[in-house]
């Protein structure tokens, strides 16, 4: 076990098989549709890279970084959307690392729907078993309500490079 990690929740092999299943479903669902994948950085980059290498159709990719902060009375999400192309009549697939509160996903879905996309579909590596503001349409794995790291997920920028998903030591 690596220093700082007390338990492996999902091995590299389990993750790989789950990503393969998601890629197969997306490949079938979006055959001939030239989708645009909207990848939420930084956490989703590992999942997106593995997933999109297995997507067997032409597609476009755009990366977006969402900033979240608490205002005086509510939680606020914001993103620099200047590099996102016109989404009119595009099939947009949001790629998230984990659906925790669902706030980021709900916000993104609202933004994309307002841009006249042909469809909006969301996929997440992990679905946390808690109530969400929005749910992913498709996810690879489910996880209990605990803080996990690895395979793109981090704490203060650390542990993203792990090939597995684990729980940190207390």
Protein backbone atom coordinates (compact mmCIF):
# COMPACT_ATOMS: atom_id res chain seq x y z
CA UNK A 1 0.00 0.00 0.00
CA UNK A 2 1.20 3.50 -0.74
CA UNK A 3 1.96 5.88 2.10
CA UNK A 4 -1.12 7.95 2.83
CA UNK A 5 -3.59 5.39 1.45
CA UNK A 6 -5.33 3.04 3.87
CA UNK A 7 -7.70 1.18 1.53
CA UNK A 8 -8.14 0.49 -2.17
CA UNK A 9 -11.82 0.95 -3.06
CA UNK A 10 -11.53 0.18 -6.80
CA UNK A 11 -8.50 -1.54 -8.32
CA UNK A 12 -7.07 -0.51 -11.68
CA UNK A 13 -8.60 -3.66 -13.18
CA UNK A 14 -12.09 -2.89 -11.86
CA UNK A 15 -11.86 0.69 -13.14
CA UNK A 16 -10.64 -0.50 -16.55
CA UNK A 17 -13.57 -2.90 -16.95
CA UNK A 18 -16.08 -0.22 -15.89
CA UNK A 19 -14.59 2.33 -18.32
CA UNK A 20 -14.81 -0.26 -21.10
CA UNK A 21 -18.53 -0.75 -20.41
CA UNK A 22 -19.21 2.99 -20.48
CA UNK A 23 -17.21 3.39 -23.70
CA UNK A 24 -19.14 0.57 -25.36
CA UNK A 25 -22.48 2.15 -24.45
CA UNK A 26 -21.42 5.61 -25.65
CA UNK A 27 -20.01 4.18 -28.89
CA UNK A 28 -23.33 2.49 -29.63
CA UNK A 29 -25.46 5.45 -28.55
CA UNK A 30 -23.55 8.09 -30.55
CA UNK A 31 -22.67 6.23 -33.76
CA UNK A 32 -22.78 8.73 -36.63
CA UNK A 33 -23.58 11.73 -34.41
CA UNK A 34 -20.14 13.43 -34.08
CA UNK A 35 -20.62 14.35 -30.40
CA UNK A 36 -18.77 17.04 -28.50
CA UNK A 37 -17.31 15.84 -25.21
CA UNK A 38 -17.18 18.55 -22.55
CA UNK A 39 -14.55 17.40 -20.04
CA UNK A 40 -14.68 18.92 -16.57
CA UNK A 41 -11.14 19.59 -15.36
CA UNK A 42 -9.10 18.75 -13.47
CA UNK A 43 -10.54 15.59 -11.97
CA UNK A 44 -12.09 14.04 -15.09
CA UNK A 45 -8.97 14.11 -17.27
CA UNK A 46 -7.77 10.55 -16.49
CA UNK A 47 -11.24 9.06 -16.95
CA UNK A 48 -11.80 11.08 -20.13
CA UNK A 49 -8.47 10.01 -21.64
CA UNK A 50 -9.15 6.32 -21.05
CA UNK A 51 -12.79 6.60 -22.11
CA UNK A 52 -12.22 8.56 -25.32
CA UNK A 53 -9.42 6.28 -26.53
CA UNK A 54 -12.12 3.60 -26.61
CA UNK A 55 -14.78 5.75 -28.31
CA UNK A 56 -14.71 4.49 -31.89
CA UNK A 57 -16.29 7.40 -33.76
CA UNK A 58 -15.30 10.93 -34.77
CA UNK A 59 -15.83 13.42 -31.96
CA UNK A 60 -14.69 16.76 -30.61
CA UNK A 61 -13.35 17.51 -27.15
CA UNK A 62 -13.42 20.67 -25.09
CA UNK A 63 -12.03 21.10 -21.59
CA UNK A 64 -13.71 23.32 -19.04
CA UNK A 65 -12.67 24.29 -15.55
CA UNK A 66 -15.46 25.10 -13.14
CA UNK A 67 -14.78 27.41 -10.22
CA UNK A 68 -16.99 27.19 -7.18
CA UNK A 69 -17.16 29.55 -4.26
CA UNK A 70 -19.57 30.49 -1.54
CA UNK A 71 -21.04 33.96 -1.85
CA UNK A 72 -22.73 35.82 0.96
CA UNK A 73 -25.84 33.65 0.81
CA UNK A 74 -25.42 30.88 -1.76
CA UNK A 75 -23.04 28.55 -3.53
CA UNK A 76 -21.88 30.00 -6.88
CA UNK A 77 -20.42 28.19 -9.88
CA UNK A 78 -18.61 29.94 -12.69
CA UNK A 79 -16.54 28.94 -15.70
CA UNK A 80 -14.63 30.55 -18.53
CA UNK A 81 -16.78 29.53 -21.48
CA UNK A 82 -14.90 31.64 -24.04
CA UNK A 83 -13.23 28.62 -25.67
CA UNK A 84 -16.42 26.53 -25.96
CA UNK A 85 -17.65 26.36 -29.55
CA UNK A 86 -21.21 26.97 -30.68
CA UNK A 87 -23.30 24.12 -29.29
CA UNK A 88 -26.33 24.65 -31.51
CA UNK A 89 -27.54 21.26 -32.77
CA UNK A 90 -24.55 19.45 -31.22
CA UNK A 91 -24.80 16.29 -29.17
CA UNK A 92 -22.95 17.31 -26.01
CA UNK A 93 -21.64 14.73 -23.56
CA UNK A 94 -20.44 16.05 -20.20
CA UNK A 95 -17.65 13.99 -18.62
CA UNK A 96 -17.36 14.36 -14.83
CA UNK A 97 -15.09 12.63 -12.35
CA UNK A 98 -17.62 12.24 -9.54
CA UNK A 99 -21.20 13.29 -8.94
CA UNK A 100 -21.17 14.33 -5.30
CA UNK A 101 -23.60 17.18 -4.66
CA UNK A 102 -24.52 17.33 -8.35
CA UNK A 103 -24.26 21.14 -8.33
CA UNK A 104 -21.61 21.30 -11.06
CA UNK A 105 -23.50 18.90 -13.28
CA UNK A 106 -26.83 20.72 -12.79
CA UNK A 107 -25.18 24.06 -13.62
CA UNK A 108 -23.50 22.69 -16.75
CA UNK A 109 -26.69 21.03 -17.99
CA UNK A 110 -28.53 24.33 -17.61
CA UNK A 111 -25.81 26.26 -19.48
CA UNK A 112 -25.71 23.77 -22.36
CA UNK A 113 -29.48 23.47 -22.70
CA UNK A 114 -29.64 27.25 -23.02
CA UNK A 115 -27.33 27.06 -26.05
CA UNK A 116 -29.72 24.95 -28.17
CA UNK A 117 -27.73 21.73 -28.12
CA UNK A 118 -29.38 18.82 -29.94
CA UNK A 119 -28.94 16.74 -26.80
CA UNK A 120 -27.17 16.83 -23.46
CA UNK A 121 -25.94 13.60 -21.88
CA UNK A 122 -23.75 13.22 -18.83
CA UNK A 123 -21.33 10.51 -17.84
CA UNK A 124 -19.36 10.23 -14.61
CA UNK A 125 -16.66 7.92 -13.41
CA UNK A 126 -18.24 7.78 -9.97
CA UNK A 127 -21.70 8.26 -8.56
CA UNK A 128 -21.60 9.02 -4.84
CA UNK A 129 -24.51 7.42 -2.97
CA UNK A 130 -25.94 10.68 -1.60
CA UNK A 131 -28.81 12.93 -2.77
CA UNK A 132 -27.82 15.04 -5.82
CA UNK A 133 -28.96 18.28 -7.40
CA UNK A 134 -28.54 16.40 -10.71
CA UNK A 135 -27.74 12.80 -11.59
CA UNK A 136 -25.41 11.55 -14.31
CA UNK A 137 -27.18 9.75 -17.14
CA UNK A 138 -24.49 7.09 -17.05
CA UNK A 139 -21.75 6.30 -14.55
CA UNK A 140 -19.03 3.70 -14.31
CA UNK A 141 -19.01 2.96 -10.57
CA UNK A 142 -20.87 3.80 -7.36
CA UNK A 143 -19.16 4.77 -4.13
CA UNK A 144 -20.26 5.34 -0.55
CA UNK A 145 -20.15 8.81 0.96
CA UNK A 146 -16.46 9.05 1.80
CA UNK A 147 -13.52 11.07 0.58
CA UNK A 148 -11.61 9.17 -2.10
CA UNK A 149 -8.52 9.85 -4.19
CA UNK A 150 -6.77 8.43 -7.22
CA UNK A 151 -7.48 8.04 -10.94
CA UNK A 152 -7.81 11.82 -11.32
CA UNK A 153 -9.32 12.54 -7.90
CA UNK A 154 -7.08 14.48 -5.55
CA UNK A 155 -6.55 16.19 -2.27
CA UNK A 156 -4.60 19.43 -2.66
CA UNK A 157 -3.30 18.25 -6.04
CA UNK A 158 -1.94 14.96 -4.69
CA UNK A 159 -2.86 11.36 -5.58
CA UNK A 160 -4.40 12.11 -9.02
CA UNK A 161 -1.81 9.84 -10.65
CA UNK A 162 -2.79 6.68 -8.78
CA UNK A 163 -4.06 3.90 -11.08
CA UNK A 164 -6.66 2.91 -8.48
CA UNK A 165 -9.20 4.72 -6.28
CA UNK A 166 -8.58 4.62 -2.56
CA UNK A 167 -9.30 6.12 0.81
CA UNK A 168 -6.68 8.23 2.56
CA UNK A 169 -5.35 7.50 6.00
CA UNK A 170 -6.92 9.58 8.76
